[in-house]
Amino acid sequence: MKALLVYAHPNPKSFNHAVLEAVKEEFSAAGVAFDVRDLYALSIDPVLKAEDFLALREGKTLADVAEEQRFVKEADLLVVIHPVWWFSLPAILKGWIDRVFSSGFAYASGKNGTEGLLKGKKVAIFSTTGGSEKDYDTYGFKGAIRTAVDNGIFVFCGMEVILHHFMHAVPAVSQEEREAMLVQVRHLVREKLLSA
């Protein structure tokens, strides 16, 4: 198995970064090959532009998009690590998906409808929230995010979402609670991802 870790947080001292490090350590200990795409550190251009559409019409792919698609193509498992901002993905991650998961690469339209082209790939998502689990459950935010992101992006493209784990109220909890969350991340990697 080869994994691709797609990480979207601007602060290298964030809890999201601690999640990234925990996943990397578990993969390394298990001998799993992986690449990391730290979208902010790489200054990924998330803006879908006219040039992107022109290239697609001409059957071409812009060089920066082709590079990211190569990482996706080589991976059996995508692990996406991000904060939930405004009940959605950070703009840089959404833009990466807009540009990289393009028509003809991630999906195609045919006479029988739209077909996902990334079949056989699995996805695990680790999301942190500022809001409490109670609020997310009461107002249906988790379900909405799973519908829009898990199904609307990854399943749509033919991938299998094997895990979407939410860690709630991260800015408000104690260091001990954060440590317990990281223990759970490590457990999920071992139990769900390494057996994927």
N, C-alpha and C. Protein backbone atom coordinates (compact mmCIF):
# COMPACT_ATOMS: atom_id res chain seq x y z
N MET A 1 0.84 -1.19 0.00
CA MET A 1 0.00 0.00 0.00
C MET A 1 0.88 1.25 0.00
N LYS A 2 0.46 2.25 -0.77
CA LYS A 2 1.11 3.55 -0.72
C LYS A 2 0.04 4.59 -0.37
N ALA A 3 0.38 5.49 0.53
CA ALA A 3 -0.58 6.49 1.00
C ALA A 3 -0.15 7.88 0.57
N LEU A 4 -1.14 8.73 0.39
CA LEU A 4 -0.92 10.15 0.14
C LEU A 4 -1.61 10.92 1.25
N LEU A 5 -0.83 11.69 2.01
CA LEU A 5 -1.37 12.51 3.10
C LEU A 5 -1.53 13.93 2.59
N VAL A 6 -2.77 14.38 2.52
CA VAL A 6 -3.07 15.74 2.06
C VAL A 6 -3.45 16.55 3.29
N TYR A 7 -2.60 17.52 3.59
CA TYR A 7 -2.70 18.26 4.86
C TYR A 7 -2.97 19.72 4.58
N ALA A 8 -3.97 20.30 5.27
CA ALA A 8 -4.38 21.67 4.99
C ALA A 8 -4.56 22.47 6.26
N HIS A 9 -3.46 22.95 6.81
CA HIS A 9 -3.52 23.90 7.93
C HIS A 9 -2.29 24.79 7.86
N PRO A 10 -2.46 26.11 8.02
CA PRO A 10 -1.32 27.01 7.86
C PRO A 10 -0.34 27.05 9.02
N ASN A 11 -0.73 26.52 10.19
CA ASN A 11 0.11 26.65 11.39
C ASN A 11 0.83 25.34 11.69
N PRO A 12 2.16 25.32 11.57
CA PRO A 12 2.89 24.08 11.86
C PRO A 12 2.86 23.68 13.33
N LYS A 13 2.32 24.53 14.21
CA LYS A 13 2.18 24.18 15.62
C LYS A 13 0.75 23.84 15.99
N SER A 14 -0.10 23.68 14.99
CA SER A 14 -1.52 23.41 15.23
C SER A 14 -1.75 21.98 15.67
N PHE A 15 -2.95 21.74 16.20
CA PHE A 15 -3.34 20.38 16.53
C PHE A 15 -3.45 19.54 15.26
N ASN A 16 -3.88 20.14 14.17
CA ASN A 16 -3.93 19.42 12.90
C ASN A 16 -2.55 18.88 12.53
N HIS A 17 -1.52 19.67 12.80
CA HIS A 17 -0.16 19.22 12.50
C HIS A 17 0.22 18.05 13.40
N ALA A 18 -0.23 18.07 14.64
CA ALA A 18 0.02 16.94 15.54
C ALA A 18 -0.67 15.68 15.02
N VAL A 19 -1.86 15.84 14.44
CA VAL A 19 -2.55 14.70 13.83
C VAL A 19 -1.73 14.17 12.66
N LEU A 20 -1.23 15.08 11.81
CA LEU A 20 -0.38 14.68 10.69
C LEU A 20 0.82 13.89 11.18
N GLU A 21 1.49 14.39 12.20
CA GLU A 21 2.69 13.71 12.71
C GLU A 21 2.35 12.34 13.27
N ALA A 22 1.20 12.22 13.94
CA ALA A 22 0.78 10.93 14.49
C ALA A 22 0.55 9.92 13.36
N VAL A 23 -0.11 10.36 12.30
CA VAL A 23 -0.37 9.47 11.16
C VAL A 23 0.95 9.06 10.50
N LYS A 24 1.85 10.02 10.30
CA LYS A 24 3.16 9.72 9.70
C LYS A 24 3.93 8.70 10.54
N GLU A 25 3.92 8.90 11.86
CA GLU A 25 4.67 8.00 12.75
C GLU A 25 4.09 6.58 12.69
N GLU A 26 2.77 6.46 12.66
CA GLU A 26 2.15 5.13 12.60
C GLU A 26 2.46 4.46 11.26
N PHE A 27 2.40 5.20 10.18
CA PHE A 27 2.72 4.63 8.87
C PHE A 27 4.19 4.22 8.81
N SER A 28 5.07 5.06 9.31
CA SER A 28 6.50 4.75 9.30
C SER A 28 6.78 3.50 10.11
N ALA A 29 6.16 3.38 11.29
CA ALA A 29 6.37 2.21 12.15
C ALA A 29 5.88 0.93 11.49
N ALA A 30 4.85 1.06 10.64
CA ALA A 30 4.30 -0.12 9.96
C ALA A 30 4.96 -0.38 8.61
N GLY A 31 5.91 0.48 8.23
CA GLY A 31 6.60 0.30 6.96
C GLY A 31 5.76 0.68 5.75
N VAL A 32 4.78 1.56 5.94
CA VAL A 32 3.93 2.00 4.83
C VAL A 32 4.59 3.18 4.13
N ALA A 33 4.72 3.08 2.81
CA ALA A 33 5.27 4.19 2.02
C ALA A 33 4.20 5.28 1.91
N PHE A 34 4.62 6.53 2.04
CA PHE A 34 3.66 7.63 1.92
C PHE A 34 4.35 8.90 1.43
N ASP A 35 3.55 9.75 0.80
CA ASP A 35 3.95 11.10 0.44
C ASP A 35 3.07 12.07 1.22
N VAL A 36 3.61 13.26 1.49
CA VAL A 36 2.84 14.30 2.17
C VAL A 36 2.75 15.51 1.26
N ARG A 37 1.54 16.00 1.07
CA ARG A 37 1.33 17.26 0.36
C ARG A 37 0.79 18.25 1.39
N ASP A 38 1.71 19.07 1.93
CA ASP A 38 1.36 20.11 2.89
C ASP A 38 1.00 21.33 2.06
N LEU A 39 -0.28 21.53 1.83
CA LEU A 39 -0.74 22.49 0.83
C LEU A 39 -0.28 23.92 1.11
N TYR A 40 -0.28 24.32 2.39
CA TYR A 40 0.17 25.68 2.71
C TYR A 40 1.69 25.79 2.56
N ALA A 41 2.42 24.84 3.07
CA ALA A 41 3.89 24.89 2.98
C ALA A 41 4.35 24.87 1.53
N LEU A 42 3.61 24.19 0.68
CA LEU A 42 3.96 24.12 -0.75
C LEU A 42 3.45 25.32 -1.53
N SER A 43 2.69 26.20 -0.87
CA SER A 43 2.07 27.35 -1.55
C SER A 43 1.29 26.91 -2.78
N ILE A 44 0.51 25.86 -2.61
CA ILE A 44 -0.32 25.34 -3.69
C ILE A 44 -1.27 26.43 -4.18
N ASP A 45 -1.37 26.58 -5.49
CA ASP A 45 -2.31 27.54 -6.07
C ASP A 45 -3.69 26.88 -6.13
N PRO A 46 -4.63 27.35 -5.31
CA PRO A 46 -5.94 26.70 -5.28
C PRO A 46 -6.96 27.30 -6.23
N VAL A 47 -6.56 28.31 -7.00
CA VAL A 47 -7.55 29.04 -7.80
C VAL A 47 -7.72 28.40 -9.18
N LEU A 48 -8.92 27.92 -9.43
CA LEU A 48 -9.27 27.37 -10.73
C LEU A 48 -9.44 28.54 -11.70
N LYS A 49 -8.59 28.56 -12.74
CA LYS A 49 -8.55 29.71 -13.63
C LYS A 49 -8.98 29.35 -15.04
N ALA A 50 -9.09 30.36 -15.88
CA ALA A 50 -9.44 30.15 -17.29
C ALA A 50 -8.43 29.23 -17.96
N GLU A 51 -7.15 29.32 -17.55
CA GLU A 51 -6.11 28.46 -18.16
C GLU A 51 -6.37 26.99 -17.89
N ASP A 52 -6.93 26.68 -16.70
CA ASP A 52 -7.27 25.30 -16.38
C ASP A 52 -8.29 24.76 -17.37
N PHE A 53 -9.33 25.54 -17.62
CA PHE A 53 -10.39 25.11 -18.54
C PHE A 53 -9.88 25.03 -19.97
N LEU A 54 -9.05 25.98 -20.35
CA LEU A 54 -8.48 25.97 -21.71
C LEU A 54 -7.64 24.71 -21.90
N ALA A 55 -6.81 24.39 -20.92
CA ALA A 55 -5.97 23.18 -21.01
C ALA A 55 -6.85 21.94 -21.14
N LEU A 56 -7.91 21.85 -20.33
CA LEU A 56 -8.81 20.70 -20.40
C LEU A 56 -9.44 20.58 -21.78
N ARG A 57 -9.89 21.71 -22.34
CA ARG A 57 -10.50 21.68 -23.68
C ARG A 57 -9.53 21.19 -24.73
N GLU A 58 -8.24 21.50 -24.54
CA GLU A 58 -7.21 21.09 -25.50
C GLU A 58 -6.62 19.72 -25.18
N GLY A 59 -7.19 19.04 -24.18
CA GLY A 59 -6.71 17.72 -23.81
C GLY A 59 -5.37 17.75 -23.10
N LYS A 60 -5.07 18.88 -22.47
CA LYS A 60 -3.79 19.03 -21.75
C LYS A 60 -4.05 19.22 -20.27
N THR A 61 -2.98 19.18 -19.50
CA THR A 61 -3.05 19.41 -18.06
C THR A 61 -1.93 20.37 -17.69
N LEU A 62 -2.24 21.41 -16.93
CA LEU A 62 -1.21 22.35 -16.48
C LEU A 62 -0.19 21.61 -15.62
N ALA A 63 1.05 22.05 -15.66
CA ALA A 63 2.16 21.32 -15.02
C ALA A 63 1.94 21.13 -13.52
N ASP A 64 1.47 22.17 -12.82
CA ASP A 64 1.30 22.02 -11.37
C ASP A 64 0.17 21.04 -11.04
N VAL A 65 -0.87 21.02 -11.86
CA VAL A 65 -1.97 20.07 -11.66
C VAL A 65 -1.50 18.65 -11.96
N ALA A 66 -0.75 18.49 -13.04
CA ALA A 66 -0.24 17.16 -13.41
C ALA A 66 0.62 16.58 -12.30
N GLU A 67 1.41 17.43 -11.63
CA GLU A 67 2.25 16.96 -10.53
C GLU A 67 1.40 16.43 -9.39
N GLU A 68 0.34 17.15 -9.03
CA GLU A 68 -0.54 16.69 -7.95
C GLU A 68 -1.30 15.43 -8.37
N GLN A 69 -1.73 15.37 -9.61
CA GLN A 69 -2.43 14.18 -10.09
C GLN A 69 -1.54 12.95 -10.05
N ARG A 70 -0.25 13.15 -10.28
CA ARG A 70 0.69 12.03 -10.20
C ARG A 70 0.69 11.44 -8.79
N PHE A 71 0.69 12.30 -7.77
CA PHE A 71 0.65 11.81 -6.39
C PHE A 71 -0.64 11.04 -6.12
N VAL A 72 -1.75 11.56 -6.60
CA VAL A 72 -3.04 10.88 -6.40
C VAL A 72 -3.03 9.54 -7.12
N LYS A 73 -2.56 9.53 -8.34
CA LYS A 73 -2.54 8.31 -9.17
C LYS A 73 -1.72 7.21 -8.51
N GLU A 74 -0.60 7.58 -7.89
CA GLU A 74 0.30 6.59 -7.29
C GLU A 74 -0.19 6.05 -5.95
N ALA A 75 -1.18 6.71 -5.36
CA ALA A 75 -1.64 6.34 -4.01
C ALA A 75 -2.78 5.33 -4.06
N ASP A 76 -2.74 4.41 -3.13
CA ASP A 76 -3.87 3.49 -2.90
C ASP A 76 -4.83 4.08 -1.87
N LEU A 77 -4.28 4.89 -0.97
CA LEU A 77 -5.05 5.46 0.13
C LEU A 77 -4.74 6.94 0.25
N LEU A 78 -5.78 7.78 0.26
CA LEU A 78 -5.62 9.20 0.54
C LEU A 78 -6.04 9.44 1.99
N VAL A 79 -5.20 10.15 2.73
CA VAL A 79 -5.54 10.55 4.09
C VAL A 79 -5.59 12.08 4.09
N VAL A 80 -6.76 12.62 4.34
CA VAL A 80 -6.98 14.06 4.29
C VAL A 80 -7.12 14.57 5.72
N ILE A 81 -6.29 15.57 6.07
CA ILE A 81 -6.27 16.12 7.43
C ILE A 81 -6.55 17.61 7.33
N HIS A 82 -7.63 18.08 7.96
CA HIS A 82 -7.99 19.49 7.81
C HIS A 82 -8.90 19.96 8.95
N PRO A 83 -8.88 21.26 9.21
CA PRO A 83 -9.87 21.84 10.10
C PRO A 83 -11.17 22.07 9.33
N VAL A 84 -12.28 22.08 10.04
CA VAL A 84 -13.55 22.48 9.44
C VAL A 84 -13.70 23.98 9.67
N TRP A 85 -13.76 24.72 8.57
CA TRP A 85 -13.97 26.16 8.63
C TRP A 85 -15.27 26.47 7.92
N TRP A 86 -16.18 27.16 8.62
CA TRP A 86 -17.50 27.47 8.09
C TRP A 86 -18.19 26.20 7.56
N PHE A 87 -18.03 25.13 8.33
CA PHE A 87 -18.71 23.85 8.07
C PHE A 87 -18.34 23.28 6.70
N SER A 88 -17.10 23.52 6.32
CA SER A 88 -16.63 23.02 5.03
C SER A 88 -15.11 22.88 5.07
N LEU A 89 -14.54 22.68 3.90
CA LEU A 89 -13.09 22.54 3.77
C LEU A 89 -12.41 23.90 3.76
N PRO A 90 -11.17 23.99 4.22
CA PRO A 90 -10.40 25.22 4.00
C PRO A 90 -10.30 25.50 2.50
N ALA A 91 -10.28 26.77 2.13
CA ALA A 91 -10.28 27.16 0.71
C ALA A 91 -9.14 26.51 -0.07
N ILE A 92 -7.96 26.39 0.55
CA ILE A 92 -6.82 25.83 -0.17
C ILE A 92 -7.05 24.36 -0.51
N LEU A 93 -7.72 23.63 0.37
CA LEU A 93 -8.02 22.22 0.12
C LEU A 93 -9.12 22.09 -0.92
N LYS A 94 -10.16 22.90 -0.80
CA LYS A 94 -11.24 22.88 -1.80
C LYS A 94 -10.68 23.24 -3.17
N GLY A 95 -9.80 24.23 -3.23
CA GLY A 95 -9.21 24.62 -4.51
C GLY A 95 -8.30 23.54 -5.09
N TRP A 96 -7.56 22.85 -4.20
CA TRP A 96 -6.72 21.73 -4.66
C TRP A 96 -7.61 20.68 -5.32
N ILE A 97 -8.74 20.38 -4.68
CA ILE A 97 -9.67 19.41 -5.25
C ILE A 97 -10.26 19.93 -6.56
N ASP A 98 -10.66 21.20 -6.58
CA ASP A 98 -11.21 21.79 -7.81
C ASP A 98 -10.28 21.59 -8.99
N ARG A 99 -8.99 21.80 -8.76
CA ARG A 99 -8.03 21.75 -9.87
C ARG A 99 -7.54 20.33 -10.16
N VAL A 100 -7.31 19.54 -9.12
CA VAL A 100 -6.68 18.23 -9.30
C VAL A 100 -7.70 17.16 -9.70
N PHE A 101 -8.88 17.19 -9.12
CA PHE A 101 -9.91 16.18 -9.41
C PHE A 101 -10.72 16.63 -10.63
N SER A 102 -10.03 16.80 -11.73
CA SER A 102 -10.65 17.38 -12.92
C SER A 102 -11.35 16.32 -13.76
N SER A 103 -12.19 16.81 -14.65
CA SER A 103 -12.88 15.95 -15.61
C SER A 103 -11.83 15.25 -16.47
N GLY A 104 -12.03 13.96 -16.66
CA GLY A 104 -11.07 13.18 -17.43
C GLY A 104 -10.00 12.54 -16.58
N PHE A 105 -9.81 13.05 -15.37
CA PHE A 105 -8.87 12.45 -14.42
C PHE A 105 -9.63 11.76 -13.28
N ALA A 106 -10.53 12.50 -12.63
CA ALA A 106 -11.24 11.96 -11.47
C ALA A 106 -12.63 11.44 -11.83
N TYR A 107 -13.21 11.96 -12.89
CA TYR A 107 -14.54 11.52 -13.32
C TYR A 107 -14.70 11.82 -14.80
N ALA A 108 -15.69 11.19 -15.40
CA ALA A 108 -15.99 11.42 -16.82
C ALA A 108 -17.49 11.27 -17.03
N SER A 109 -18.01 12.03 -17.96
CA SER A 109 -19.42 11.93 -18.31
C SER A 109 -19.56 11.03 -19.53
N GLY A 110 -20.49 10.10 -19.43
CA GLY A 110 -20.75 9.19 -20.55
C GLY A 110 -22.23 9.05 -20.79
N LYS A 111 -22.59 8.16 -21.71
CA LYS A 111 -24.01 8.01 -22.04
C LYS A 111 -24.81 7.41 -20.88
N ASN A 112 -24.13 6.75 -19.95
CA ASN A 112 -24.81 6.19 -18.78
C ASN A 112 -24.68 7.08 -17.54
N GLY A 113 -24.29 8.32 -17.75
CA GLY A 113 -24.13 9.25 -16.63
C GLY A 113 -22.67 9.47 -16.29
N THR A 114 -22.43 9.98 -15.10
CA THR A 114 -21.07 10.29 -14.67
C THR A 114 -20.43 9.05 -14.06
N GLU A 115 -19.18 8.83 -14.43
CA GLU A 115 -18.43 7.68 -13.91
C GLU A 115 -17.22 8.17 -13.13
N GLY A 116 -17.04 7.65 -11.93
CA GLY A 116 -15.84 7.94 -11.16
C GLY A 116 -14.65 7.19 -11.73
N LEU A 117 -13.53 7.87 -11.90
CA LEU A 117 -12.35 7.27 -12.52
C LEU A 117 -11.27 6.89 -11.51
N LEU A 118 -11.53 7.12 -10.22
CA LEU A 118 -10.52 6.82 -9.20
C LEU A 118 -10.90 5.58 -8.39
N LYS A 119 -11.53 4.64 -9.07
CA LYS A 119 -11.96 3.40 -8.41
C LYS A 119 -10.75 2.64 -7.87
N GLY A 120 -10.98 1.94 -6.76
CA GLY A 120 -9.92 1.16 -6.14
C GLY A 120 -9.12 1.93 -5.10
N LYS A 121 -9.31 3.25 -5.06
CA LYS A 121 -8.62 4.07 -4.06
C LYS A 121 -9.52 4.26 -2.84
N LYS A 122 -8.89 4.31 -1.68
CA LYS A 122 -9.63 4.51 -0.44
C LYS A 122 -9.25 5.86 0.16
N VAL A 123 -10.16 6.37 0.99
CA VAL A 123 -9.98 7.70 1.58
C VAL A 123 -10.27 7.64 3.07
N ALA A 124 -9.42 8.28 3.87
CA ALA A 124 -9.67 8.49 5.29
C ALA A 124 -9.54 9.98 5.57
N ILE A 125 -10.47 10.51 6.33
CA ILE A 125 -10.49 11.95 6.59
C ILE A 125 -10.47 12.19 8.10
N PHE A 126 -9.56 13.07 8.52
CA PHE A 126 -9.50 13.50 9.92
C PHE A 126 -9.82 15.00 9.94
N SER A 127 -10.93 15.36 10.58
CA SER A 127 -11.39 16.76 10.61
C SER A 127 -11.45 17.26 12.04
N THR A 128 -10.92 18.46 12.26
CA THR A 128 -11.05 19.10 13.56
C THR A 128 -12.10 20.20 13.47
N THR A 129 -12.79 20.42 14.59
CA THR A 129 -13.82 21.46 14.62
C THR A 129 -13.60 22.39 15.80
N GLY A 130 -14.14 23.58 15.68
CA GLY A 130 -14.18 24.49 16.81
C GLY A 130 -15.43 24.26 17.63
N GLY A 131 -16.48 23.77 16.98
CA GLY A 131 -17.76 23.54 17.63
C GLY A 131 -17.81 22.22 18.38
N SER A 132 -18.74 22.13 19.30
CA SER A 132 -18.89 20.94 20.13
C SER A 132 -19.55 19.80 19.35
N GLU A 133 -19.32 18.60 19.82
CA GLU A 133 -19.97 17.44 19.20
C GLU A 133 -21.49 17.56 19.33
N LYS A 134 -21.96 18.09 20.46
CA LYS A 134 -23.40 18.25 20.67
C LYS A 134 -24.00 19.15 19.59
N ASP A 135 -23.35 20.28 19.33
CA ASP A 135 -23.85 21.19 18.30
C ASP A 135 -23.81 20.55 16.92
N TYR A 136 -22.73 19.84 16.63
CA TYR A 136 -22.61 19.19 15.32
C TYR A 136 -23.70 18.14 15.13
N ASP A 137 -24.04 17.43 16.20
CA ASP A 137 -25.09 16.42 16.12
C ASP A 137 -26.47 17.08 16.07
N THR A 138 -26.69 18.10 16.91
CA THR A 138 -27.99 18.76 16.99
C THR A 138 -28.38 19.39 15.65
N TYR A 139 -27.44 20.06 15.03
CA TYR A 139 -27.75 20.80 13.80
C TYR A 139 -27.43 20.03 12.52
N GLY A 140 -26.94 18.80 12.65
CA GLY A 140 -26.71 17.98 11.48
C GLY A 140 -25.49 18.34 10.66
N PHE A 141 -24.53 19.05 11.28
CA PHE A 141 -23.36 19.50 10.52
C PHE A 141 -22.51 18.33 10.03
N LYS A 142 -22.33 17.32 10.88
CA LYS A 142 -21.51 16.17 10.46
C LYS A 142 -22.12 15.49 9.24
N GLY A 143 -23.42 15.29 9.28
CA GLY A 143 -24.09 14.67 8.15
C GLY A 143 -23.97 15.50 6.89
N ALA A 144 -24.10 16.82 7.04
CA ALA A 144 -23.99 17.71 5.88
C ALA A 144 -22.59 17.65 5.27
N ILE A 145 -21.57 17.64 6.13
CA ILE A 145 -20.19 17.58 5.65
C ILE A 145 -19.93 16.23 4.98
N ARG A 146 -20.41 15.17 5.59
CA ARG A 146 -20.21 13.84 4.99
C ARG A 146 -20.89 13.75 3.63
N THR A 147 -22.08 14.35 3.51
CA THR A 147 -22.77 14.32 2.23
C THR A 147 -22.00 15.11 1.18
N ALA A 148 -21.58 16.32 1.54
CA ALA A 148 -20.93 17.19 0.57
C ALA A 148 -19.51 16.75 0.23
N VAL A 149 -18.74 16.32 1.23
CA VAL A 149 -17.34 15.99 1.02
C VAL A 149 -17.15 14.50 0.71
N ASP A 150 -17.56 13.65 1.64
CA ASP A 150 -17.34 12.21 1.45
C ASP A 150 -18.00 11.73 0.16
N ASN A 151 -19.32 12.00 0.05
CA ASN A 151 -20.07 11.51 -1.10
C ASN A 151 -19.92 12.42 -2.32
N GLY A 152 -20.03 13.73 -2.10
CA GLY A 152 -20.02 14.67 -3.21
C GLY A 152 -18.69 14.81 -3.92
N ILE A 153 -17.61 14.44 -3.24
CA ILE A 153 -16.28 14.52 -3.88
C ILE A 153 -15.72 13.12 -4.09
N PHE A 154 -15.44 12.43 -3.00
CA PHE A 154 -14.66 11.19 -3.10
C PHE A 154 -15.46 10.02 -3.67
N VAL A 155 -16.65 9.77 -3.14
CA VAL A 155 -17.46 8.68 -3.67
C VAL A 155 -17.86 8.98 -5.11
N PHE A 156 -18.19 10.22 -5.39
CA PHE A 156 -18.52 10.65 -6.76
C PHE A 156 -17.41 10.28 -7.74
N CYS A 157 -16.17 10.36 -7.27
CA CYS A 157 -15.01 10.05 -8.13
C CYS A 157 -14.64 8.57 -8.09
N GLY A 158 -15.49 7.74 -7.49
CA GLY A 158 -15.27 6.30 -7.51
C GLY A 158 -14.49 5.76 -6.34
N MET A 159 -14.15 6.60 -5.38
CA MET A 159 -13.32 6.18 -4.25
C MET A 159 -14.20 5.67 -3.10
N GLU A 160 -13.59 4.94 -2.20
CA GLU A 160 -14.29 4.41 -1.03
C GLU A 160 -13.81 5.15 0.22
N VAL A 161 -14.73 5.82 0.89
CA VAL A 161 -14.39 6.50 2.15
C VAL A 161 -14.49 5.46 3.27
N ILE A 162 -13.35 5.13 3.84
CA ILE A 162 -13.33 4.11 4.90
C ILE A 162 -13.40 4.71 6.30
N LEU A 163 -13.17 6.02 6.39
CA LEU A 163 -13.18 6.67 7.71
C LEU A 163 -13.34 8.17 7.53
N HIS A 164 -14.23 8.77 8.31
CA HIS A 164 -14.25 10.23 8.47
C HIS A 164 -14.40 10.48 9.96
N HIS A 165 -13.30 10.86 10.58
CA HIS A 165 -13.25 11.02 12.03
C HIS A 165 -13.21 12.50 12.39
N PHE A 166 -14.18 12.93 13.20
CA PHE A 166 -14.25 14.32 13.66
C PHE A 166 -13.68 14.43 15.08
N MET A 167 -12.88 15.45 15.30
CA MET A 167 -12.37 15.78 16.63
C MET A 167 -12.92 17.16 16.99
N HIS A 168 -13.76 17.21 18.02
CA HIS A 168 -14.58 18.40 18.27
C HIS A 168 -13.99 19.35 19.31
N ALA A 169 -14.37 20.64 19.13
CA ALA A 169 -14.08 21.71 20.10
C ALA A 169 -12.59 21.77 20.46
N VAL A 170 -11.74 21.54 19.49
CA VAL A 170 -10.29 21.45 19.77
C VAL A 170 -9.74 22.69 20.48
N PRO A 171 -10.12 23.92 20.08
CA PRO A 171 -9.56 25.09 20.79
C PRO A 171 -9.98 25.18 22.26
N ALA A 172 -11.08 24.52 22.62
CA ALA A 172 -11.64 24.68 23.97
C ALA A 172 -11.27 23.56 24.93
N VAL A 173 -10.73 22.45 24.42
CA VAL A 173 -10.47 21.32 25.31
C VAL A 173 -9.08 21.42 25.94
N SER A 174 -8.87 20.61 26.97
CA SER A 174 -7.59 20.61 27.68
C SER A 174 -6.51 19.88 26.87
N GLN A 175 -5.27 20.08 27.29
CA GLN A 175 -4.16 19.36 26.66
C GLN A 175 -4.33 17.86 26.82
N GLU A 176 -4.83 17.45 27.97
CA GLU A 176 -5.06 16.02 28.21
C GLU A 176 -6.09 15.46 27.22
N GLU A 177 -7.13 16.24 26.95
CA GLU A 177 -8.15 15.79 25.98
C GLU A 177 -7.57 15.74 24.57
N ARG A 178 -6.70 16.69 24.25
CA ARG A 178 -6.04 16.64 22.93
C ARG A 178 -5.16 15.41 22.82
N GLU A 179 -4.43 15.11 23.88
CA GLU A 179 -3.58 13.91 23.87
C GLU A 179 -4.43 12.65 23.68
N ALA A 180 -5.58 12.61 24.32
CA ALA A 180 -6.48 11.46 24.16
C ALA A 180 -6.98 11.36 22.73
N MET A 181 -7.23 12.51 22.09
CA MET A 181 -7.65 12.52 20.69
C MET A 181 -6.54 11.94 19.80
N LEU A 182 -5.30 12.28 20.10
CA LEU A 182 -4.18 11.77 19.30
C LEU A 182 -4.00 10.26 19.50
N VAL A 183 -4.25 9.80 20.71
CA VAL A 183 -4.21 8.35 20.96
C VAL A 183 -5.27 7.67 20.09
N GLN A 184 -6.45 8.28 20.02
CA GLN A 184 -7.52 7.70 19.20
C GLN A 184 -7.16 7.72 17.72
N VAL A 185 -6.51 8.80 17.25
CA VAL A 185 -6.05 8.87 15.86
C VAL A 185 -5.12 7.71 15.57
N ARG A 186 -4.15 7.49 16.46
CA ARG A 186 -3.19 6.39 16.26
C ARG A 186 -3.91 5.04 16.22
N HIS A 187 -4.89 4.87 17.10
CA HIS A 187 -5.66 3.62 17.13
C HIS A 187 -6.41 3.43 15.81
N LEU A 188 -7.04 4.50 15.31
CA LEU A 188 -7.79 4.40 14.06
C LEU A 188 -6.87 4.09 12.88
N VAL A 189 -5.68 4.69 12.88
CA VAL A 189 -4.72 4.39 11.81
C VAL A 189 -4.39 2.90 11.83
N ARG A 190 -4.10 2.39 13.01
CA ARG A 190 -3.73 0.96 13.12
C ARG A 190 -4.90 0.05 12.77
N GLU A 191 -6.09 0.39 13.27
CA GLU A 191 -7.23 -0.51 13.11
C GLU A 191 -7.94 -0.39 11.76
N LYS A 192 -8.00 0.83 11.21
CA LYS A 192 -8.78 1.04 9.99
C LYS A 192 -7.93 1.25 8.74
N LEU A 193 -6.82 1.96 8.89
CA LEU A 193 -6.06 2.34 7.70
C LEU A 193 -5.02 1.29 7.32
N LEU A 194 -4.34 0.74 8.30
CA LEU A 194 -3.28 -0.22 7.98
C LEU A 194 -3.83 -1.53 7.46
N SER A 195 -5.12 -1.77 7.71
CA SER A 195 -5.74 -2.99 7.20
C SER A 195 -6.54 -2.72 5.92
N ALA A 196 -6.50 -1.47 5.45
CA ALA A 196 -7.31 -1.09 4.27
C ALA A 196 -6.81 -1.76 3.00
